[in-house]
Amino acid sequence: MKQLYLPSAGSPVIDWLIFLGFLLLVCLCLGGFVVWMKVLRSNKSKRKRRKHRHHRPTNPTLAQTGGLPPKRDPNQLPPGP
């Protein structure tokens, strides 16, 4: 019966396996990030925007209503509730 060869901790085979495992982990992380950017994030940007209705008038500006009210007398108390 033939014995199975197990490489020792300092052998080049173990070093290459560790390197390939790390490379695979990096590729999986980058692939997951690309999938997240292309698929999952693109769904959020396709939402319908709310359209503003142009037939409703907006609040008038001060120029349209006649400007600011006249200055108040400094001795007069401000209007209260």
PDB file of N, CA and C in Angstrom:
ATOM      1  N   MET A   1       0.833  -1.179   0.000  1.00  0.00           N
ATOM      2  CA  MET A   1       0.000   0.000   0.000  1.00  0.00           C
ATOM      3  C   MET A   1       0.881   1.247   0.000  1.00  0.00           C
ATOM      4  N   LYS A   2       0.517   2.209  -0.832  1.00  0.00           N
ATOM      5  CA  LYS A   2       1.302   3.427  -0.978  1.00  0.00           C
ATOM      6  C   LYS A   2       0.880   4.420   0.102  1.00  0.00           C
ATOM      7  N   GLN A   3       1.871   5.085   0.690  1.00  0.00           N
ATOM      8  CA  GLN A   3       1.569   6.062   1.735  1.00  0.00           C
ATOM      9  C   GLN A   3       1.243   7.420   1.113  1.00  0.00           C
ATOM     10  N   LEU A   4       0.330   8.144   1.752  1.00  0.00           N
ATOM     11  CA  LEU A   4      -0.081   9.462   1.290  1.00  0.00           C
ATOM     12  C   LEU A   4       0.955  10.474   1.738  1.00  0.00           C
ATOM     13  N   TYR A   5       1.369  11.331   0.807  1.00  0.00           N
ATOM     14  CA  TYR A   5       2.370  12.345   1.111  1.00  0.00           C
ATOM     15  C   TYR A   5       1.668  13.598   1.622  1.00  0.00           C
ATOM     16  N   LEU A   6       1.984  14.015   2.837  1.00  0.00           N
ATOM     17  CA  LEU A   6       1.454  15.255   3.390  1.00  0.00           C
ATOM     18  C   LEU A   6       2.596  16.259   3.458  1.00  0.00           C
ATOM     19  N   PRO A   7       2.453  17.395   2.782  1.00  0.00           N
ATOM     20  CA  PRO A   7       3.548  18.369   2.799  1.00  0.00           C
ATOM     21  C   PRO A   7       3.686  19.002   4.179  1.00  0.00           C
ATOM     22  N   SER A   8       4.890  19.366   4.525  1.00  0.00           N
ATOM     23  CA  SER A   8       5.139  19.993   5.824  1.00  0.00           C
ATOM     24  C   SER A   8       4.777  21.475   5.762  1.00  0.00           C
ATOM     25  N   ALA A   9       4.822  22.129   6.915  1.00  0.00           N
ATOM     26  CA  ALA A   9       4.347  23.509   7.018  1.00  0.00           C
ATOM     27  C   ALA A   9       5.185  24.485   6.212  1.00  0.00           C
ATOM     28  N   GLY A  10       6.454  24.220   6.002  1.00  0.00           N
ATOM     29  CA  GLY A  10       7.304  25.163   5.295  1.00  0.00           C
ATOM     30  C   GLY A  10       7.461  24.852   3.822  1.00  0.00           C
ATOM     31  N   SER A  11       6.718  23.903   3.302  1.00  0.00           N
ATOM     32  CA  SER A  11       6.908  23.483   1.919  1.00  0.00           C
ATOM     33  C   SER A  11       6.250  24.480   0.951  1.00  0.00           C
ATOM     34  N   PRO A  12       6.758  24.525  -0.275  1.00  0.00           N
ATOM     35  CA  PRO A  12       6.181  25.446  -1.270  1.00  0.00           C
ATOM     36  C   PRO A  12       4.742  25.100  -1.636  1.00  0.00           C
ATOM     37  N   VAL A  13       4.339  23.821  -1.505  1.00  0.00           N
ATOM     38  CA  VAL A  13       2.968  23.435  -1.832  1.00  0.00           C
ATOM     39  C   VAL A  13       1.981  24.109  -0.877  1.00  0.00           C
ATOM     40  N   ILE A  14       2.284  24.116   0.405  1.00  0.00           N
ATOM     41  CA  ILE A  14       1.419  24.764   1.392  1.00  0.00           C
ATOM     42  C   ILE A  14       1.379  26.267   1.160  1.00  0.00           C
ATOM     43  N   ASP A  15       2.538  26.859   0.849  1.00  0.00           N
ATOM     44  CA  ASP A  15       2.572  28.298   0.588  1.00  0.00           C
ATOM     45  C   ASP A  15       1.695  28.660  -0.607  1.00  0.00           C
ATOM     46  N   TRP A  16       1.734  27.858  -1.664  1.00  0.00           N
ATOM     47  CA  TRP A  16       0.905  28.127  -2.844  1.00  0.00           C
ATOM     48  C   TRP A  16      -0.573  27.930  -2.540  1.00  0.00           C
ATOM     49  N   LEU A  17      -0.903  26.916  -1.744  1.00  0.00           N
ATOM     50  CA  LEU A  17      -2.306  26.705  -1.383  1.00  0.00           C
ATOM     51  C   LEU A  17      -2.850  27.866  -0.548  1.00  0.00           C
ATOM     52  N   ILE A  18      -2.052  28.383   0.353  1.00  0.00           N
ATOM     53  CA  ILE A  18      -2.469  29.544   1.151  1.00  0.00           C
ATOM     54  C   ILE A  18      -2.646  30.759   0.253  1.00  0.00           C
ATOM     55  N   PHE A  19      -1.710  30.957  -0.675  1.00  0.00           N
ATOM     56  CA  PHE A  19      -1.810  32.084  -1.600  1.00  0.00           C
ATOM     57  C   PHE A  19      -3.056  31.969  -2.487  1.00  0.00           C
ATOM     58  N   LEU A  20      -3.317  30.776  -3.011  1.00  0.00           N
ATOM     59  CA  LEU A  20      -4.485  30.589  -3.862  1.00  0.00           C
ATOM     60  C   LEU A  20      -5.790  30.749  -3.081  1.00  0.00           C
ATOM     61  N   GLY A  21      -5.797  30.292  -1.846  1.00  0.00           N
ATOM     62  CA  GLY A  21      -6.979  30.484  -1.007  1.00  0.00           C
ATOM     63  C   GLY A  21      -7.249  31.957  -0.729  1.00  0.00           C
ATOM     64  N   PHE A  22      -6.177  32.703  -0.453  1.00  0.00           N
ATOM     65  CA  PHE A  22      -6.324  34.140  -0.234  1.00  0.00           C
ATOM     66  C   PHE A  22      -6.783  34.843  -1.506  1.00  0.00           C
ATOM     67  N   LEU A  23      -6.228  34.445  -2.640  1.00  0.00           N
ATOM     68  CA  LEU A  23      -6.621  35.026  -3.925  1.00  0.00           C
ATOM     69  C   LEU A  23      -8.091  34.727  -4.228  1.00  0.00           C
ATOM     70  N   LEU A  24      -8.535  33.528  -3.931  1.00  0.00           N
ATOM     71  CA  LEU A  24      -9.935  33.171  -4.126  1.00  0.00           C
ATOM     72  C   LEU A  24     -10.847  34.005  -3.230  1.00  0.00           C
ATOM     73  N   LEU A  25     -10.441  34.226  -2.000  1.00  0.00           N
ATOM     74  CA  LEU A  25     -11.225  35.041  -1.070  1.00  0.00           C
ATOM     75  C   LEU A  25     -11.339  36.482  -1.557  1.00  0.00           C
ATOM     76  N   VAL A  26     -10.247  37.044  -2.061  1.00  0.00           N
ATOM     77  CA  VAL A  26     -10.271  38.412  -2.592  1.00  0.00           C
ATOM     78  C   VAL A  26     -11.185  38.496  -3.812  1.00  0.00           C
ATOM     79  N   CYS A  27     -11.101  37.505  -4.696  1.00  0.00           N
ATOM     80  CA  CYS A  27     -11.950  37.501  -5.895  1.00  0.00           C
ATOM     81  C   CYS A  27     -13.423  37.381  -5.531  1.00  0.00           C
ATOM     82  N   LEU A  28     -13.754  36.577  -4.531  1.00  0.00           N
ATOM     83  CA  LEU A  28     -15.149  36.453  -4.106  1.00  0.00           C
ATOM     84  C   LEU A  28     -15.673  37.756  -3.514  1.00  0.00           C
ATOM     85  N   CYS A  29     -14.831  38.437  -2.749  1.00  0.00           N
ATOM     86  CA  CYS A  29     -15.259  39.718  -2.172  1.00  0.00           C
ATOM     87  C   CYS A  29     -15.476  40.756  -3.266  1.00  0.00           C
ATOM     88  N   LEU A  30     -14.550  40.838  -4.207  1.00  0.00           N
ATOM     89  CA  LEU A  30     -14.703  41.795  -5.304  1.00  0.00           C
ATOM     90  C   LEU A  30     -15.902  41.451  -6.171  1.00  0.00           C
ATOM     91  N   GLY A  31     -16.125  40.178  -6.432  1.00  0.00           N
ATOM     92  CA  GLY A  31     -17.277  39.768  -7.218  1.00  0.00           C
ATOM     93  C   GLY A  31     -18.585  40.106  -6.516  1.00  0.00           C
ATOM     94  N   GLY A  32     -18.632  39.884  -5.219  1.00  0.00           N
ATOM     95  CA  GLY A  32     -19.827  40.251  -4.463  1.00  0.00           C
ATOM     96  C   GLY A  32     -20.074  41.747  -4.477  1.00  0.00           C
ATOM     97  N   PHE A  33     -19.009  42.530  -4.408  1.00  0.00           N
ATOM     98  CA  PHE A  33     -19.148  43.982  -4.461  1.00  0.00           C
ATOM     99  C   PHE A  33     -19.674  44.433  -5.823  1.00  0.00           C
ATOM    100  N   VAL A  34     -19.170  43.832  -6.892  1.00  0.00           N
ATOM    101  CA  VAL A  34     -19.624  44.190  -8.244  1.00  0.00           C
ATOM    102  C   VAL A  34     -21.095  43.816  -8.423  1.00  0.00           C
ATOM    103  N   VAL A  35     -21.487  42.655  -7.930  1.00  0.00           N
ATOM    104  CA  VAL A  35     -22.887  42.245  -8.029  1.00  0.00           C
ATOM    105  C   VAL A  35     -23.762  43.212  -7.243  1.00  0.00           C
ATOM    106  N   TRP A  36     -23.331  43.612  -6.071  1.00  0.00           N
ATOM    107  CA  TRP A  36     -24.092  44.555  -5.264  1.00  0.00           C
ATOM    108  C   TRP A  36     -24.238  45.893  -5.986  1.00  0.00           C
ATOM    109  N   MET A  37     -23.149  46.369  -6.611  1.00  0.00           N
ATOM    110  CA  MET A  37     -23.212  47.657  -7.311  1.00  0.00           C
ATOM    111  C   MET A  37     -24.121  47.588  -8.532  1.00  0.00           C
ATOM    112  N   LYS A  38     -24.036  46.527  -9.301  1.00  0.00           N
ATOM    113  CA  LYS A  38     -24.776  46.447 -10.561  1.00  0.00           C
ATOM    114  C   LYS A  38     -26.234  46.053 -10.355  1.00  0.00           C
ATOM    115  N   VAL A  39     -26.505  45.101  -9.505  1.00  0.00           N
ATOM    116  CA  VAL A  39     -27.850  44.544  -9.402  1.00  0.00           C
ATOM    117  C   VAL A  39     -28.644  45.201  -8.287  1.00  0.00           C
ATOM    118  N   LEU A  40     -28.130  45.167  -7.091  1.00  0.00           N
ATOM    119  CA  LEU A  40     -28.920  45.603  -5.947  1.00  0.00           C
ATOM    120  C   LEU A  40     -29.061  47.110  -5.874  1.00  0.00           C
ATOM    121  N   ARG A  41     -28.009  47.866  -6.197  1.00  0.00           N
ATOM    122  CA  ARG A  41     -28.109  49.321  -6.134  1.00  0.00           C
ATOM    123  C   ARG A  41     -28.878  49.898  -7.309  1.00  0.00           C
ATOM    124  N   SER A  42     -28.877  49.253  -8.441  1.00  0.00           N
ATOM    125  CA  SER A  42     -29.559  49.804  -9.608  1.00  0.00           C
ATOM    126  C   SER A  42     -31.073  49.770  -9.438  1.00  0.00           C
ATOM    127  N   ASN A  43     -31.600  48.881  -8.606  1.00  0.00           N
ATOM    128  CA  ASN A  43     -33.043  48.818  -8.389  1.00  0.00           C
ATOM    129  C   ASN A  43     -33.553  50.058  -7.657  1.00  0.00           C
ATOM    130  N   LYS A  44     -32.750  50.623  -6.781  1.00  0.00           N
ATOM    131  CA  LYS A  44     -33.165  51.794  -6.039  1.00  0.00           C
ATOM    132  C   LYS A  44     -33.236  53.020  -6.935  1.00  0.00           C
ATOM    133  N   SER A  45     -32.384  53.102  -7.922  1.00  0.00           N
ATOM    134  CA  SER A  45     -32.364  54.288  -8.771  1.00  0.00           C
ATOM    135  C   SER A  45     -33.471  54.270  -9.806  1.00  0.00           C
ATOM    136  N   LYS A  46     -34.176  53.153  -9.959  1.00  0.00           N
ATOM    137  CA  LYS A  46     -35.235  53.069 -10.957  1.00  0.00           C
ATOM    138  C   LYS A  46     -36.601  53.440 -10.393  1.00  0.00           C
ATOM    139  N   ARG A  47     -36.634  53.928  -9.162  1.00  0.00           N
ATOM    140  CA  ARG A  47     -37.914  54.335  -8.588  1.00  0.00           C
ATOM    141  C   ARG A  47     -38.476  55.505  -9.381  1.00  0.00           C
ATOM    142  N   LYS A  48     -39.796  55.563  -9.420  1.00  0.00           N
ATOM    143  CA  LYS A  48     -40.434  56.664 -10.128  1.00  0.00           C
ATOM    144  C   LYS A  48     -40.350  57.919  -9.276  1.00  0.00           C
ATOM    145  N   ARG A  49     -40.011  58.999  -9.915  1.00  0.00           N
ATOM    146  CA  ARG A  49     -39.983  60.268  -9.211  1.00  0.00           C
ATOM    147  C   ARG A  49     -41.374  60.868  -9.208  1.00  0.00           C
ATOM    148  N   ARG A  50     -41.677  61.583  -8.163  1.00  0.00           N
ATOM    149  CA  ARG A  50     -42.974  62.222  -8.066  1.00  0.00           C
ATOM    150  C   ARG A  50     -42.997  63.428  -8.992  1.00  0.00           C
ATOM    151  N   LYS A  51     -44.000  63.488  -9.815  1.00  0.00           N
ATOM    152  CA  LYS A  51     -44.121  64.597 -10.752  1.00  0.00           C
ATOM    153  C   LYS A  51     -44.898  65.722 -10.081  1.00  0.00           C
ATOM    154  N   HIS A  52     -44.382  66.925 -10.265  1.00  0.00           N
ATOM    155  CA  HIS A  52     -45.071  68.088  -9.713  1.00  0.00           C
ATOM    156  C   HIS A  52     -46.184  68.508 -10.670  1.00  0.00           C
ATOM    157  N   ARG A  53     -47.288  68.853 -10.101  1.00  0.00           N
ATOM    158  CA  ARG A  53     -48.413  69.297 -10.926  1.00  0.00           C
ATOM    159  C   ARG A  53     -48.267  70.794 -11.160  1.00  0.00           C
ATOM    160  N   HIS A  54     -48.254  71.174 -12.408  1.00  0.00           N
ATOM    161  CA  HIS A  54     -48.040  72.573 -12.749  1.00  0.00           C
ATOM    162  C   HIS A  54     -49.334  73.384 -12.738  1.00  0.00           C
ATOM    163  N   HIS A  55     -50.481  72.743 -12.634  1.00  0.00           N
ATOM    164  CA  HIS A  55     -51.718  73.505 -12.659  1.00  0.00           C
ATOM    165  C   HIS A  55     -52.043  74.115 -11.296  1.00  0.00           C
ATOM    166  N   ARG A  56     -51.373  73.661 -10.248  1.00  0.00           N
ATOM    167  CA  ARG A  56     -51.602  74.238  -8.929  1.00  0.00           C
ATOM    168  C   ARG A  56     -50.716  75.471  -8.753  1.00  0.00           C
ATOM    169  N   PRO A  57     -51.298  76.573  -8.312  1.00  0.00           N
ATOM    170  CA  PRO A  57     -50.451  77.758  -8.114  1.00  0.00           C
ATOM    171  C   PRO A  57     -49.594  77.608  -6.858  1.00  0.00           C
ATOM    172  N   THR A  58     -48.434  78.202  -6.876  1.00  0.00           N
ATOM    173  CA  THR A  58     -47.568  78.191  -5.705  1.00  0.00           C
ATOM    174  C   THR A  58     -47.919  79.384  -4.831  1.00  0.00           C
ATOM    175  N   ASN A  59     -47.339  79.469  -3.668  1.00  0.00           N
ATOM    176  CA  ASN A  59     -47.565  80.623  -2.807  1.00  0.00           C
ATOM    177  C   ASN A  59     -46.985  81.857  -3.486  1.00  0.00           C
ATOM    178  N   PRO A  60     -47.687  82.983  -3.405  1.00  0.00           N
ATOM    179  CA  PRO A  60     -47.181  84.181  -4.075  1.00  0.00           C
ATOM    180  C   PRO A  60     -45.936  84.717  -3.386  1.00  0.00           C
ATOM    181  N   THR A  61     -45.087  85.361  -4.162  1.00  0.00           N
ATOM    182  CA  THR A  61     -43.884  85.966  -3.605  1.00  0.00           C
ATOM    183  C   THR A  61     -44.233  87.319  -3.013  1.00  0.00           C
ATOM    184  N   LEU A  62     -43.276  87.883  -2.280  1.00  0.00           N
ATOM    185  CA  LEU A  62     -43.502  89.203  -1.702  1.00  0.00           C
ATOM    186  C   LEU A  62     -43.693  90.248  -2.793  1.00  0.00           C
ATOM    187  N   ALA A  63     -43.013  90.081  -3.913  1.00  0.00           N
ATOM    188  CA  ALA A  63     -43.159  91.033  -5.010  1.00  0.00           C
ATOM    189  C   ALA A  63     -44.573  90.964  -5.589  1.00  0.00           C
ATOM    190  N   GLN A  64     -45.164  89.783  -5.614  1.00  0.00           N
ATOM    191  CA  GLN A  64     -46.510  89.641  -6.165  1.00  0.00           C
ATOM    192  C   GLN A  64     -47.577  90.167  -5.207  1.00  0.00           C
ATOM    193  N   THR A  65     -47.310  90.132  -3.903  1.00  0.00           N
ATOM    194  CA  THR A  65     -48.314  90.570  -2.935  1.00  0.00           C
ATOM    195  C   THR A  65     -48.154  92.026  -2.545  1.00  0.00           C
ATOM    196  N   GLY A  66     -47.126  92.691  -3.027  1.00  0.00           N
ATOM    197  CA  GLY A  66     -46.970  94.112  -2.699  1.00  0.00           C
ATOM    198  C   GLY A  66     -45.791  94.386  -1.791  1.00  0.00           C
ATOM    199  N   GLY A  67     -44.929  93.435  -1.589  1.00  0.00           N
ATOM    200  CA  GLY A  67     -43.716  93.669  -0.807  1.00  0.00           C
ATOM    201  C   GLY A  67     -43.933  93.463   0.681  1.00  0.00           C
ATOM    202  N   LEU A  68     -42.962  93.935   1.431  1.00  0.00           N
ATOM    203  CA  LEU A  68     -42.995  93.791   2.884  1.00  0.00           C
ATOM    204  C   LEU A  68     -44.000  94.765   3.489  1.00  0.00           C
ATOM    205  N   PRO A  69     -44.519  94.453   4.681  1.00  0.00           N
ATOM    206  CA  PRO A  69     -45.412  95.410   5.340  1.00  0.00           C
ATOM    207  C   PRO A  69     -44.622  96.648   5.779  1.00  0.00           C
ATOM    208  N   PRO A  70     -45.316  97.747   6.071  1.00  0.00           N
ATOM    209  CA  PRO A  70     -44.590  98.957   6.484  1.00  0.00           C
ATOM    210  C   PRO A  70     -43.864  98.732   7.808  1.00  0.00           C
ATOM    211  N   LYS A  71     -42.828  99.555   8.031  1.00  0.00           N
ATOM    212  CA  LYS A  71     -42.055  99.436   9.271  1.00  0.00           C
ATOM    213  C   LYS A  71     -42.929  99.782  10.467  1.00  0.00           C
ATOM    214  N   ARG A  72     -42.697  99.058  11.551  1.00  0.00           N
ATOM    215  CA  ARG A  72     -43.459  99.264  12.776  1.00  0.00           C
ATOM    216  C   ARG A  72     -42.771 100.341  13.616  1.00  0.00           C
ATOM    217  N   ASP A  73     -43.549 101.082  14.354  1.00  0.00           N
ATOM    218  CA  ASP A  73     -43.009 102.087  15.258  1.00  0.00           C
ATOM    219  C   ASP A  73     -42.222 101.369  16.350  1.00  0.00           C
ATOM    220  N   PRO A  74     -40.987 101.800  16.659  1.00  0.00           N
ATOM    221  CA  PRO A  74     -40.190 101.102  17.694  1.00  0.00           C
ATOM    222  C   PRO A  74     -40.833 101.143  19.080  1.00  0.00           C
ATOM    223  N   ASN A  75     -41.681 102.114  19.361  1.00  0.00           N
ATOM    224  CA  ASN A  75     -42.329 102.214  20.672  1.00  0.00           C
ATOM    225  C   ASN A  75     -43.555 101.304  20.788  1.00  0.00           C
ATOM    226  N   GLN A  76     -44.018 100.795  19.674  1.00  0.00           N
ATOM    227  CA  GLN A  76     -45.218  99.952  19.674  1.00  0.00           C
ATOM    228  C   GLN A  76     -44.851  98.515  20.042  1.00  0.00           C
ATOM    229  N   LEU A  77     -45.687  97.871  20.841  1.00  0.00           N
ATOM    230  CA  LEU A  77     -45.438  96.480  21.235  1.00  0.00           C
ATOM    231  C   LEU A  77     -45.745  95.567  20.049  1.00  0.00           C
ATOM    232  N   PRO A  78     -44.995  94.447  19.939  1.00  0.00           N
ATOM    233  CA  PRO A  78     -45.294  93.507  18.861  1.00  0.00           C
ATOM    234  C   PRO A  78     -46.645  92.849  19.090  1.00  0.00           C
ATOM    235  N   PRO A  79     -47.308  92.432  17.991  1.00  0.00           N
ATOM    236  CA  PRO A  79     -48.615  91.796  18.172  1.00  0.00           C
ATOM    237  C   PRO A  79     -48.451  90.470  18.914  1.00  0.00           C
ATOM    238  N   GLY A  80     -49.326  90.208  19.844  1.00  0.00           N
ATOM    239  CA  GLY A  80     -49.264  88.990  20.643  1.00  0.00           C
ATOM    240  C   GLY A  80     -50.296  87.987  20.214  1.00  0.00           C
ATOM    241  N   PRO A  81     -50.269  86.833  20.825  1.00  0.00           N
ATOM    242  CA  PRO A  81     -51.248  85.776  20.476  1.00  0.00           C
ATOM    243  C   PRO A  81     -52.625  86.056  20.971  1.00  0.00           C
TER     244      PRO A  81
END
